[in-house]
PDB file of all heavy atoms in Angstrom:
ATOM      1  N   LEU A   1       0.827  -1.210   0.000  1.00  0.00           N
ATOM      2  CA  LEU A   1       0.000   0.000   0.000  1.00  0.00           C
ATOM      3  C   LEU A   1       0.857   1.255   0.000  1.00  0.00           C
ATOM      4  O   LEU A   1       0.595   2.214  -0.730  1.00  0.00           O
ATOM      5  CB  LEU A   1      -0.920  -0.008   1.220  1.00  0.00           C
ATOM      6  CG  LEU A   1      -2.169  -0.880   1.148  1.00  0.00           C
ATOM      7  CD1 LEU A   1      -2.742  -1.112   2.538  1.00  0.00           C
ATOM      8  CD2 LEU A   1      -3.218  -0.225   0.257  1.00  0.00           C
ATOM      9  N   ARG A   2       1.915   1.252   0.816  1.00  0.00           N
ATOM     10  CA  ARG A   2       2.743   2.445   0.935  1.00  0.00           C
ATOM     11  C   ARG A   2       3.640   2.628  -0.286  1.00  0.00           C
ATOM     12  O   ARG A   2       3.898   3.754  -0.706  1.00  0.00           O
ATOM     13  CB  ARG A   2       3.599   2.374   2.204  1.00  0.00           C
ATOM     14  CG  ARG A   2       2.834   2.392   3.497  1.00  0.00           C
ATOM     15  CD  ARG A   2       2.251   3.756   3.844  1.00  0.00           C
ATOM     16  NE  ARG A   2       1.072   4.092   3.071  1.00  0.00           N
ATOM     17  CZ  ARG A   2      -0.145   3.649   3.340  1.00  0.00           C
ATOM     18  NH1 ARG A   2      -0.356   2.849   4.342  1.00  0.00           N
ATOM     19  NH2 ARG A   2      -1.172   4.014   2.595  1.00  0.00           N
ATOM     20  N   LEU A   3       4.135   1.549  -0.867  1.00  0.00           N
ATOM     21  CA  LEU A   3       4.981   1.681  -2.061  1.00  0.00           C
ATOM     22  C   LEU A   3       4.188   2.223  -3.236  1.00  0.00           C
ATOM     23  O   LEU A   3       4.707   2.973  -4.060  1.00  0.00           O
ATOM     24  CB  LEU A   3       5.608   0.330  -2.415  1.00  0.00           C
ATOM     25  CG  LEU A   3       6.690  -0.177  -1.452  1.00  0.00           C
ATOM     26  CD1 LEU A   3       7.110  -1.592  -1.805  1.00  0.00           C
ATOM     27  CD2 LEU A   3       7.907   0.752  -1.461  1.00  0.00           C
ATOM     28  N   LEU A   4       2.912   1.850  -3.331  1.00  0.00           N
ATOM     29  CA  LEU A   4       2.066   2.395  -4.394  1.00  0.00           C
ATOM     30  C   LEU A   4       1.842   3.885  -4.207  1.00  0.00           C
ATOM     31  O   LEU A   4       1.602   4.616  -5.173  1.00  0.00           O
ATOM     32  CB  LEU A   4       0.719   1.660  -4.411  1.00  0.00           C
ATOM     33  CG  LEU A   4       0.747   0.236  -4.955  1.00  0.00           C
ATOM     34  CD1 LEU A   4      -0.586  -0.456  -4.690  1.00  0.00           C
ATOM     35  CD2 LEU A   4       1.063   0.242  -6.447  1.00  0.00           C
ATOM     36  N   GLU A   5       1.919   4.340  -2.966  1.00  0.00           N
ATOM     37  CA  GLU A   5       1.791   5.770  -2.682  1.00  0.00           C
ATOM     38  C   GLU A   5       2.973   6.543  -3.259  1.00  0.00           C
ATOM     39  O   GLU A   5       2.861   7.730  -3.570  1.00  0.00           O
ATOM     40  CB  GLU A   5       1.717   5.959  -1.163  1.00  0.00           C
ATOM     41  CG  GLU A   5       1.606   7.376  -0.680  1.00  0.00           C
ATOM     42  CD  GLU A   5       1.731   7.453   0.844  1.00  0.00           C
ATOM     43  OE1 GLU A   5       1.694   6.400   1.496  1.00  0.00           O
ATOM     44  OE2 GLU A   5       1.884   8.577   1.348  1.00  0.00           O
ATOM     45  N   ASN A   6       4.115   5.843  -3.376  1.00  0.00           N
ATOM     46  CA  ASN A   6       5.348   6.419  -3.935  1.00  0.00           C
ATOM     47  C   ASN A   6       5.817   7.644  -3.147  1.00  0.00           C
ATOM     48  O   ASN A   6       6.232   8.650  -3.715  1.00  0.00           O
ATOM     49  CB  ASN A   6       5.162   6.794  -5.410  1.00  0.00           C
ATOM     50  CG  ASN A   6       6.495   6.907  -6.143  1.00  0.00           C
ATOM     51  OD1 ASN A   6       7.494   6.332  -5.707  1.00  0.00           O
ATOM     52  ND2 ASN A   6       6.510   7.635  -7.244  1.00  0.00           N
ATOM     53  N   ASP A   7       5.739   7.517  -1.820  1.00  0.00           N
ATOM     54  CA  ASP A   7       6.229   8.588  -0.946  1.00  0.00           C
ATOM     55  C   ASP A   7       7.744   8.451  -0.804  1.00  0.00           C
ATOM     56  O   ASP A   7       8.260   7.378  -0.467  1.00  0.00           O
ATOM     57  CB  ASP A   7       5.548   8.483   0.430  1.00  0.00           C
ATOM     58  CG  ASP A   7       6.080   9.505   1.407  1.00  0.00           C
ATOM     59  OD1 ASP A   7       5.769  10.693   1.242  1.00  0.00           O
ATOM     60  OD2 ASP A   7       6.814   9.117   2.341  1.00  0.00           O
ATOM     61  N   GLU A   8       8.460   9.529  -1.070  1.00  0.00           N
ATOM     62  CA  GLU A   8       9.920   9.479  -1.081  1.00  0.00           C
ATOM     63  C   GLU A   8      10.499   9.083   0.273  1.00  0.00           C
ATOM     64  O   GLU A   8      11.459   8.307   0.346  1.00  0.00           O
ATOM     65  CB  GLU A   8      10.486  10.841  -1.510  1.00  0.00           C
ATOM     66  CG  GLU A   8      10.231  11.184  -2.971  1.00  0.00           C
ATOM     67  CD  GLU A   8      10.880  12.487  -3.376  1.00  0.00           C
ATOM     68  OE1 GLU A   8      11.609  13.068  -2.540  1.00  0.00           O
ATOM     69  OE2 GLU A   8      10.681  12.923  -4.528  1.00  0.00           O
ATOM     70  N   SER A   9       9.919   9.607   1.347  1.00  0.00           N
ATOM     71  CA  SER A   9      10.461   9.303   2.674  1.00  0.00           C
ATOM     72  C   SER A   9      10.261   7.832   3.019  1.00  0.00           C
ATOM     73  O   SER A   9      11.142   7.191   3.602  1.00  0.00           O
ATOM     74  CB  SER A   9       9.797  10.192   3.737  1.00  0.00           C
ATOM     75  OG  SER A   9       8.433   9.850   3.913  1.00  0.00           O
ATOM     76  N   PHE A  10       9.092   7.275   2.646  1.00  0.00           N
ATOM     77  CA  PHE A  10       8.866   5.853   2.923  1.00  0.00           C
ATOM     78  C   PHE A  10       9.778   4.995   2.057  1.00  0.00           C
ATOM     79  O   PHE A  10      10.352   4.006   2.539  1.00  0.00           O
ATOM     80  CB  PHE A  10       7.398   5.478   2.671  1.00  0.00           C
ATOM     81  CG  PHE A  10       7.111   4.033   2.976  1.00  0.00           C
ATOM     82  CD1 PHE A  10       6.845   3.625   4.268  1.00  0.00           C
ATOM     83  CD2 PHE A  10       7.134   3.075   1.963  1.00  0.00           C
ATOM     84  CE1 PHE A  10       6.595   2.299   4.562  1.00  0.00           C
ATOM     85  CE2 PHE A  10       6.893   1.743   2.243  1.00  0.00           C
ATOM     86  CZ  PHE A  10       6.620   1.351   3.548  1.00  0.00           C
ATOM     87  N   ASN A  11       9.912   5.348   0.786  1.00  0.00           N
ATOM     88  CA  ASN A  11      10.788   4.576  -0.096  1.00  0.00           C
ATOM     89  C   ASN A  11      12.218   4.569   0.429  1.00  0.00           C
ATOM     90  O   ASN A  11      12.908   3.534   0.388  1.00  0.00           O
ATOM     91  CB  ASN A  11      10.764   5.159  -1.508  1.00  0.00           C
ATOM     92  CG  ASN A  11       9.432   4.927  -2.207  1.00  0.00           C
ATOM     93  OD1 ASN A  11       8.595   4.158  -1.722  1.00  0.00           O
ATOM     94  ND2 ASN A  11       9.222   5.572  -3.343  1.00  0.00           N
ATOM     95  N   ALA A  12      12.660   5.720   0.945  1.00  0.00           N
ATOM     96  CA  ALA A  12      14.027   5.801   1.478  1.00  0.00           C
ATOM     97  C   ALA A  12      14.186   4.909   2.698  1.00  0.00           C
ATOM     98  O   ALA A  12      15.190   4.192   2.846  1.00  0.00           O
ATOM     99  CB  ALA A  12      14.354   7.251   1.828  1.00  0.00           C
ATOM    100  N   SER A  13      13.200   4.925   3.588  1.00  0.00           N
ATOM    101  CA  SER A  13      13.256   4.080   4.785  1.00  0.00           C
ATOM    102  C   SER A  13      13.178   2.602   4.409  1.00  0.00           C
ATOM    103  O   SER A  13      13.833   1.756   5.018  1.00  0.00           O
ATOM    104  CB  SER A  13      12.106   4.438   5.738  1.00  0.00           C
ATOM    105  OG  SER A  13      12.211   5.780   6.185  1.00  0.00           O
ATOM    106  N   PHE A  14      12.363   2.297   3.408  1.00  0.00           N
ATOM    107  CA  PHE A  14      12.211   0.913   2.947  1.00  0.00           C
ATOM    108  C   PHE A  14      13.538   0.384   2.399  1.00  0.00           C
ATOM    109  O   PHE A  14      13.957  -0.734   2.715  1.00  0.00           O
ATOM    110  CB  PHE A  14      11.122   0.874   1.867  1.00  0.00           C
ATOM    111  CG  PHE A  14      10.748  -0.512   1.421  1.00  0.00           C
ATOM    112  CD1 PHE A  14       9.863  -1.266   2.158  1.00  0.00           C
ATOM    113  CD2 PHE A  14      11.289  -1.035   0.253  1.00  0.00           C
ATOM    114  CE1 PHE A  14       9.508  -2.542   1.735  1.00  0.00           C
ATOM    115  CE2 PHE A  14      10.940  -2.314  -0.175  1.00  0.00           C
ATOM    116  CZ  PHE A  14      10.051  -3.068   0.574  1.00  0.00           C
ATOM    117  N   LYS A  15      14.207   1.194   1.589  1.00  0.00           N
ATOM    118  CA  LYS A  15      15.483   0.776   1.008  1.00  0.00           C
ATOM    119  C   LYS A  15      16.575   0.681   2.079  1.00  0.00           C
ATOM    120  O   LYS A  15      17.447  -0.198   2.006  1.00  0.00           O
ATOM    121  CB  LYS A  15      15.894   1.756  -0.088  1.00  0.00           C
ATOM    122  CG  LYS A  15      15.036   1.644  -1.336  1.00  0.00           C
ATOM    123  CD  LYS A  15      15.571   2.474  -2.490  1.00  0.00           C
ATOM    124  CE  LYS A  15      15.367   3.958  -2.264  1.00  0.00           C
ATOM    125  NZ  LYS A  15      15.785   4.749  -3.453  1.00  0.00           N
ATOM    126  N   LYS A  16      16.518   1.572   3.071  1.00  0.00           N
ATOM    127  CA  LYS A  16      17.506   1.531   4.150  1.00  0.00           C
ATOM    128  C   LYS A  16      17.385   0.246   4.950  1.00  0.00           C
ATOM    129  O   LYS A  16      18.376  -0.317   5.412  1.00  0.00           O
ATOM    130  CB  LYS A  16      17.319   2.750   5.062  1.00  0.00           C
ATOM    131  CG  LYS A  16      18.338   2.844   6.182  1.00  0.00           C
ATOM    132  CD  LYS A  16      18.137   4.116   6.992  1.00  0.00           C
ATOM    133  CE  LYS A  16      19.169   4.207   8.103  1.00  0.00           C
ATOM    134  NZ  LYS A  16      19.004   5.435   8.927  1.00  0.00           N
ATOM    135  N   LYS A  17      16.150  -0.243   5.104  1.00  0.00           N
ATOM    136  CA  LYS A  17      15.907  -1.454   5.877  1.00  0.00           C
ATOM    137  C   LYS A  17      16.223  -2.709   5.079  1.00  0.00           C
ATOM    138  O   LYS A  17      16.841  -3.655   5.591  1.00  0.00           O
ATOM    139  CB  LYS A  17      14.439  -1.475   6.329  1.00  0.00           C
ATOM    140  CG  LYS A  17      14.006  -2.764   7.024  1.00  0.00           C
ATOM    141  CD  LYS A  17      14.681  -2.959   8.365  1.00  0.00           C
ATOM    142  CE  LYS A  17      14.163  -4.217   9.049  1.00  0.00           C
ATOM    143  NZ  LYS A  17      14.807  -4.437  10.358  1.00  0.00           N
ATOM    144  N   PHE A  18      15.823  -2.753   3.810  1.00  0.00           N
ATOM    145  CA  PHE A  18      15.893  -4.003   3.040  1.00  0.00           C
ATOM    146  C   PHE A  18      16.937  -3.987   1.919  1.00  0.00           C
ATOM    147  O   PHE A  18      17.042  -4.960   1.170  1.00  0.00           O
ATOM    148  CB  PHE A  18      14.522  -4.321   2.441  1.00  0.00           C
ATOM    149  CG  PHE A  18      13.447  -4.495   3.474  1.00  0.00           C
ATOM    150  CD1 PHE A  18      12.402  -3.589   3.568  1.00  0.00           C
ATOM    151  CD2 PHE A  18      13.489  -5.566   4.369  1.00  0.00           C
ATOM    152  CE1 PHE A  18      11.407  -3.741   4.528  1.00  0.00           C
ATOM    153  CE2 PHE A  18      12.499  -5.730   5.333  1.00  0.00           C
ATOM    154  CZ  PHE A  18      11.458  -4.815   5.414  1.00  0.00           C
ATOM    155  N   GLY A  19      17.669  -2.883   1.787  1.00  0.00           N
ATOM    156  CA  GLY A  19      18.704  -2.825   0.755  1.00  0.00           C
ATOM    157  C   GLY A  19      18.420  -1.735  -0.258  1.00  0.00           C
ATOM    158  O   GLY A  19      17.289  -1.585  -0.720  1.00  0.00           O
ATOM    159  N   GLU A  20      19.451  -0.993  -0.627  1.00  0.00           N
ATOM    160  CA  GLU A  20      19.278   0.146  -1.527  1.00  0.00           C
ATOM    161  C   GLU A  20      18.754  -0.256  -2.905  1.00  0.00           C
ATOM    162  O   GLU A  20      18.141   0.551  -3.607  1.00  0.00           O
ATOM    163  CB  GLU A  20      20.608   0.904  -1.674  1.00  0.00           C
ATOM    164  CG  GLU A  20      21.038   1.678  -0.435  1.00  0.00           C
ATOM    165  CD  GLU A  20      20.067   2.798  -0.089  1.00  0.00           C
ATOM    166  OE1 GLU A  20      19.460   3.368  -1.013  1.00  0.00           O
ATOM    167  OE2 GLU A  20      19.901   3.091   1.108  1.00  0.00           O
ATOM    168  N   ASP A  21      19.017  -1.506  -3.294  1.00  0.00           N
ATOM    169  CA  ASP A  21      18.601  -1.935  -4.632  1.00  0.00           C
ATOM    170  C   ASP A  21      17.298  -2.729  -4.611  1.00  0.00           C
ATOM    171  O   ASP A  21      16.892  -3.287  -5.629  1.00  0.00           O
ATOM    172  CB  ASP A  21      19.694  -2.789  -5.273  1.00  0.00           C
ATOM    173  CG  ASP A  21      19.970  -4.065  -4.473  1.00  0.00           C
ATOM    174  OD1 ASP A  21      19.591  -4.097  -3.276  1.00  0.00           O
ATOM    175  OD2 ASP A  21      20.545  -5.012  -5.039  1.00  0.00           O
ATOM    176  N   ILE A  22      16.614  -2.769  -3.468  1.00  0.00           N
ATOM    177  CA  ILE A  22      15.433  -3.615  -3.324  1.00  0.00           C
ATOM    178  C   ILE A  22      14.337  -3.258  -4.323  1.00  0.00           C
ATOM    179  O   ILE A  22      13.671  -4.128  -4.878  1.00  0.00           O
ATOM    180  CB  ILE A  22      14.889  -3.542  -1.874  1.00  0.00           C
ATOM    181  CG1 ILE A  22      13.709  -4.498  -1.675  1.00  0.00           C
ATOM    182  CG2 ILE A  22      14.495  -2.138  -1.506  1.00  0.00           C
ATOM    183  CD1 ILE A  22      14.065  -5.946  -1.738  1.00  0.00           C
ATOM    184  N   LEU A  23      14.138  -1.958  -4.556  1.00  0.00           N
ATOM    185  CA  LEU A  23      13.067  -1.543  -5.467  1.00  0.00           C
ATOM    186  C   LEU A  23      13.462  -1.653  -6.933  1.00  0.00           C
ATOM    187  O   LEU A  23      12.635  -1.407  -7.812  1.00  0.00           O
ATOM    188  CB  LEU A  23      12.643  -0.095  -5.154  1.00  0.00           C
ATOM    189  CG  LEU A  23      12.018   0.134  -3.773  1.00  0.00           C
ATOM    190  CD1 LEU A  23      11.631   1.590  -3.599  1.00  0.00           C
ATOM    191  CD2 LEU A  23      10.800  -0.766  -3.572  1.00  0.00           C
ATOM    192  N   MET A  24      14.742  -2.028  -7.179  1.00  0.00           N
ATOM    193  CA  MET A  24      15.198  -2.196  -8.557  1.00  0.00           C
ATOM    194  C   MET A  24      15.194  -3.657  -8.980  1.00  0.00           C
ATOM    195  O   MET A  24      15.493  -3.970 -10.131  1.00  0.00           O
ATOM    196  CB  MET A  24      16.612  -1.622  -8.705  1.00  0.00           C
ATOM    197  CG  MET A  24      16.700  -0.122  -8.431  1.00  0.00           C
ATOM    198  SD  MET A  24      15.575   0.832  -9.492  1.00  0.00           S
ATOM    199  CE  MET A  24      16.290   0.486 -11.094  1.00  0.00           C
ATOM    200  N   LYS A  25      14.850  -4.550  -8.051  1.00  0.00           N
ATOM    201  CA  LYS A  25      14.770  -5.964  -8.404  1.00  0.00           C
ATOM    202  C   LYS A  25      13.695  -6.166  -9.470  1.00  0.00           C
ATOM    203  O   LYS A  25      12.631  -5.536  -9.410  1.00  0.00           O
ATOM    204  CB  LYS A  25      14.463  -6.809  -7.173  1.00  0.00           C
ATOM    205  CG  LYS A  25      15.651  -6.954  -6.231  1.00  0.00           C
ATOM    206  CD  LYS A  25      15.357  -7.961  -5.130  1.00  0.00           C
ATOM    207  CE  LYS A  25      16.592  -8.194  -4.257  1.00  0.00           C
ATOM    208  NZ  LYS A  25      16.342  -9.193  -3.203  1.00  0.00           N
ATOM    209  N   GLY A  26      13.951  -7.056 -10.395  1.00  0.00           N
ATOM    210  CA  GLY A  26      13.082  -7.214 -11.555  1.00  0.00           C
ATOM    211  C   GLY A  26      11.617  -7.409 -11.226  1.00  0.00           C
ATOM    212  O   GLY A  26      10.750  -6.673 -11.726  1.00  0.00           O
ATOM    213  N   SER A  27      11.310  -8.377 -10.363  1.00  0.00           N
ATOM    214  CA  SER A  27       9.908  -8.678 -10.078  1.00  0.00           C
ATOM    215  C   SER A  27       9.232  -7.532  -9.340  1.00  0.00           C
ATOM    216  O   SER A  27       8.091  -7.167  -9.643  1.00  0.00           O
ATOM    217  CB  SER A  27       9.800  -9.964  -9.265  1.00  0.00           C
ATOM    218  OG  SER A  27      10.510  -9.840  -8.035  1.00  0.00           O
ATOM    219  N   ILE A  28       9.942  -6.948  -8.375  1.00  0.00           N
ATOM    220  CA  ILE A  28       9.350  -5.861  -7.594  1.00  0.00           C
ATOM    221  C   ILE A  28       9.158  -4.630  -8.475  1.00  0.00           C
ATOM    222  O   ILE A  28       8.074  -4.022  -8.494  1.00  0.00           O
ATOM    223  CB  ILE A  28      10.229  -5.526  -6.371  1.00  0.00           C
ATOM    224  CG1 ILE A  28      10.262  -6.721  -5.406  1.00  0.00           C
ATOM    225  CG2 ILE A  28       9.707  -4.277  -5.666  1.00  0.00           C
ATOM    226  CD1 ILE A  28      11.135  -6.498  -4.184  1.00  0.00           C
ATOM    227  N   ARG A  29      10.211  -4.263  -9.228  1.00  0.00           N
ATOM    228  CA  ARG A  29      10.111  -3.076 -10.074  1.00  0.00           C
ATOM    229  C   ARG A  29       9.030  -3.249 -11.138  1.00  0.00           C
ATOM    230  O   ARG A  29       8.210  -2.352 -11.382  1.00  0.00           O
ATOM    231  CB  ARG A  29      11.455  -2.798 -10.738  1.00  0.00           C
ATOM    232  CG  ARG A  29      11.461  -1.562 -11.643  1.00  0.00           C
ATOM    233  CD  ARG A  29      12.821  -1.328 -12.251  1.00  0.00           C
ATOM    234  NE  ARG A  29      13.228  -2.488 -13.071  1.00  0.00           N
ATOM    235  CZ  ARG A  29      14.409  -2.555 -13.705  1.00  0.00           C
ATOM    236  NH1 ARG A  29      15.283  -1.570 -13.594  1.00  0.00           N
ATOM    237  NH2 ARG A  29      14.712  -3.629 -14.418  1.00  0.00           N
ATOM    238  N   GLY A  30       8.998  -4.437 -11.764  1.00  0.00           N
ATOM    239  CA  GLY A  30       8.026  -4.676 -12.820  1.00  0.00           C
ATOM    240  C   GLY A  30       6.593  -4.653 -12.285  1.00  0.00           C
ATOM    241  O   GLY A  30       5.719  -3.986 -12.871  1.00  0.00           O
ATOM    242  N   ASN A  31       6.344  -5.362 -11.194  1.00  0.00           N
ATOM    243  CA  ASN A  31       4.985  -5.405 -10.634  1.00  0.00           C
ATOM    244  C   ASN A  31       4.552  -4.051 -10.101  1.00  0.00           C
ATOM    245  O   ASN A  31       3.382  -3.666 -10.218  1.00  0.00           O
ATOM    246  CB  ASN A  31       4.899  -6.456  -9.538  1.00  0.00           C
ATOM    247  CG  ASN A  31       4.850  -7.872 -10.076  1.00  0.00           C
ATOM    248  OD1 ASN A  31       5.422  -8.150 -11.130  1.00  0.00           O
ATOM    249  ND2 ASN A  31       4.177  -8.762  -9.371  1.00  0.00           N
ATOM    250  N   LEU A  32       5.512  -3.320  -9.523  1.00  0.00           N
ATOM    251  CA  LEU A  32       5.186  -2.013  -8.957  1.00  0.00           C
ATOM    252  C   LEU A  32       4.813  -1.034 -10.071  1.00  0.00           C
ATOM    253  O   LEU A  32       3.814  -0.294  -9.956  1.00  0.00           O
ATOM    254  CB  LEU A  32       6.365  -1.493  -8.146  1.00  0.00           C
ATOM    255  CG  LEU A  32       6.144  -0.228  -7.305  1.00  0.00           C
ATOM    256  CD1 LEU A  32       4.982  -0.408  -6.339  1.00  0.00           C
ATOM    257  CD2 LEU A  32       7.413   0.118  -6.525  1.00  0.00           C
ATOM    258  N   ASN A  33       5.594  -1.027 -11.146  1.00  0.00           N
ATOM    259  CA  ASN A  33       5.288  -0.135 -12.272  1.00  0.00           C
ATOM    260  C   ASN A  33       3.967  -0.503 -12.937  1.00  0.00           C
ATOM    261  O   ASN A  33       3.174   0.369 -13.305  1.00  0.00           O
ATOM    262  CB  ASN A  33       6.417  -0.179 -13.303  1.00  0.00           C
ATOM    263  CG  ASN A  33       7.686   0.507 -12.809  1.00  0.00           C
ATOM    264  OD1 ASN A  33       7.619   1.354 -11.926  1.00  0.00           O
ATOM    265  ND2 ASN A  33       8.827   0.125 -13.365  1.00  0.00           N
ATOM    266  N   LYS A  34       3.728  -1.796 -13.103  1.00  0.00           N
ATOM    267  CA  LYS A  34       2.482  -2.227 -13.720  1.00  0.00           C
ATOM    268  C   LYS A  34       1.285  -1.842 -12.847  1.00  0.00           C
ATOM    269  O   LYS A  34       0.252  -1.377 -13.343  1.00  0.00           O
ATOM    270  CB  LYS A  34       2.491  -3.739 -13.942  1.00  0.00           C
ATOM    271  CG  LYS A  34       1.239  -4.257 -14.673  1.00  0.00           C
ATOM    272  CD  LYS A  34       1.319  -5.747 -14.916  1.00  0.00           C
ATOM    273  CE  LYS A  34       0.122  -6.207 -15.744  1.00  0.00           C
ATOM    274  NZ  LYS A  34      -1.178  -5.831 -15.143  1.00  0.00           N
ATOM    275  N   ALA A  35       1.419  -2.030 -11.527  1.00  0.00           N
ATOM    276  CA  ALA A  35       0.327  -1.690 -10.611  1.00  0.00           C
ATOM    277  C   ALA A  35       0.041  -0.197 -10.642  1.00  0.00           C
ATOM    278  O   ALA A  35      -1.123   0.224 -10.641  1.00  0.00           O
ATOM    279  CB  ALA A  35       0.688  -2.136  -9.195  1.00  0.00           C
ATOM    280  N   ARG A  36       1.076   0.622 -10.675  1.00  0.00           N
ATOM    281  CA  ARG A  36       0.881   2.073 -10.730  1.00  0.00           C
ATOM    282  C   ARG A  36       0.221   2.472 -12.052  1.00  0.00           C
ATOM    283  O   ARG A  36      -0.639   3.367 -12.083  1.00  0.00           O
ATOM    284  CB  ARG A  36       2.221   2.788 -10.558  1.00  0.00           C
ATOM    285  CG  ARG A  36       2.767   2.746  -9.126  1.00  0.00           C
ATOM    286  CD  ARG A  36       4.165   3.312  -9.045  1.00  0.00           C
ATOM    287  NE  ARG A  36       4.681   3.278  -7.680  1.00  0.00           N
ATOM    288  CZ  ARG A  36       5.968   3.444  -7.362  1.00  0.00           C
ATOM    289  NH1 ARG A  36       6.865   3.665  -8.338  1.00  0.00           N
ATOM    290  NH2 ARG A  36       6.355   3.396  -6.106  1.00  0.00           N
ATOM    291  N   ASN A  37       0.620   1.844 -13.139  1.00  0.00           N
ATOM    292  CA  ASN A  37       0.000   2.148 -14.435  1.00  0.00           C
ATOM    293  C   ASN A  37      -1.475   1.748 -14.438  1.00  0.00           C
ATOM    294  O   ASN A  37      -2.320   2.470 -14.995  1.00  0.00           O
ATOM    295  CB  ASN A  37       0.749   1.431 -15.557  1.00  0.00           C
ATOM    296  CG  ASN A  37       2.133   2.006 -15.808  1.00  0.00           C
ATOM    297  OD1 ASN A  37       2.363   3.192 -15.520  1.00  0.00           O
ATOM    298  ND2 ASN A  37       3.043   1.196 -16.317  1.00  0.00           N
ATOM    299  N   ASP A  38      -1.783   0.604 -13.825  1.00  0.00           N
ATOM    300  CA  ASP A  38      -3.179   0.165 -13.749  1.00  0.00           C
ATOM    301  C   ASP A  38      -4.014   1.166 -12.944  1.00  0.00           C
ATOM    302  O   ASP A  38      -5.154   1.478 -13.313  1.00  0.00           O
ATOM    303  CB  ASP A  38      -3.263  -1.218 -13.095  1.00  0.00           C
ATOM    304  CG  ASP A  38      -2.703  -2.308 -13.985  1.00  0.00           C
ATOM    305  OD1 ASP A  38      -2.515  -2.039 -15.195  1.00  0.00           O
ATOM    306  OD2 ASP A  38      -2.437  -3.413 -13.480  1.00  0.00           O
ATOM    307  N   LEU A  39      -3.454   1.657 -11.870  1.00  0.00           N
ATOM    308  CA  LEU A  39      -4.157   2.662 -11.064  1.00  0.00           C
ATOM    309  C   LEU A  39      -4.367   3.949 -11.856  1.00  0.00           C
ATOM    310  O   LEU A  39      -5.442   4.559 -11.796  1.00  0.00           O
ATOM    311  CB  LEU A  39      -3.364   2.963  -9.782  1.00  0.00           C
ATOM    312  CG  LEU A  39      -3.299   1.861  -8.722  1.00  0.00           C
ATOM    313  CD1 LEU A  39      -2.343   2.255  -7.598  1.00  0.00           C
ATOM    314  CD2 LEU A  39      -4.676   1.576  -8.142  1.00  0.00           C
ATOM    315  N   ALA A  40      -3.335   4.347 -12.595  1.00  0.00           N
ATOM    316  CA  ALA A  40      -3.420   5.590 -13.364  1.00  0.00           C
ATOM    317  C   ALA A  40      -4.515   5.513 -14.432  1.00  0.00           C
ATOM    318  O   ALA A  40      -5.165   6.512 -14.751  1.00  0.00           O
ATOM    319  CB  ALA A  40      -2.076   5.899 -14.006  1.00  0.00           C
ATOM    320  N   GLN A  41      -4.732   4.317 -14.986  1.00  0.00           N
ATOM    321  CA  GLN A  41      -5.772   4.165 -16.004  1.00  0.00           C
ATOM    322  C   GLN A  41      -7.169   4.446 -15.443  1.00  0.00           C
ATOM    323  O   GLN A  41      -8.078   4.819 -16.187  1.00  0.00           O
ATOM    324  CB  GLN A  41      -5.724   2.743 -16.580  1.00  0.00           C
ATOM    325  CG  GLN A  41      -4.518   2.481 -17.458  1.00  0.00           C
ATOM    326  CD  GLN A  41      -4.506   1.061 -18.014  1.00  0.00           C
ATOM    327  OE1 GLN A  41      -5.438   0.292 -17.776  1.00  0.00           O
ATOM    328  NE2 GLN A  41      -3.459   0.732 -18.758  1.00  0.00           N
ATOM    329  N   TYR A  42      -7.314   4.277 -14.144  1.00  0.00           N
ATOM    330  CA  TYR A  42      -8.597   4.548 -13.495  1.00  0.00           C
ATOM    331  C   TYR A  42      -8.596   5.908 -12.776  1.00  0.00           C
ATOM    332  O   TYR A  42      -9.425   6.159 -11.911  1.00  0.00           O
ATOM    333  CB  TYR A  42      -8.927   3.443 -12.501  1.00  0.00           C
ATOM    334  CG  TYR A  42      -9.294   2.129 -13.155  1.00  0.00           C
ATOM    335  CD1 TYR A  42      -8.320   1.174 -13.425  1.00  0.00           C
ATOM    336  CD2 TYR A  42     -10.609   1.871 -13.533  1.00  0.00           C
ATOM    337  CE1 TYR A  42      -8.650  -0.032 -14.036  1.00  0.00           C
ATOM    338  CE2 TYR A  42     -10.951   0.666 -14.141  1.00  0.00           C
ATOM    339  CZ  TYR A  42      -9.965  -0.280 -14.390  1.00  0.00           C
ATOM    340  OH  TYR A  42     -10.304  -1.479 -14.999  1.00  0.00           O
ATOM    341  N   GLY A  43      -7.645   6.752 -13.163  1.00  0.00           N
ATOM    342  CA  GLY A  43      -7.590   8.095 -12.592  1.00  0.00           C
ATOM    343  C   GLY A  43      -6.970   8.164 -11.223  1.00  0.00           C
ATOM    344  O   GLY A  43      -7.057   9.201 -10.549  1.00  0.00           O
TER     345      GLY A  43
END
């Protein structure tokens, strides 16, 4: 829920806890981008 919000402070804390490259992993990055695009299609 929070990653979809794309809040910079949360993303920074998330990466600090789980690794700076965590959001660049293929499955996470791909699913996250697709989910955000799906949300954008519905405004």
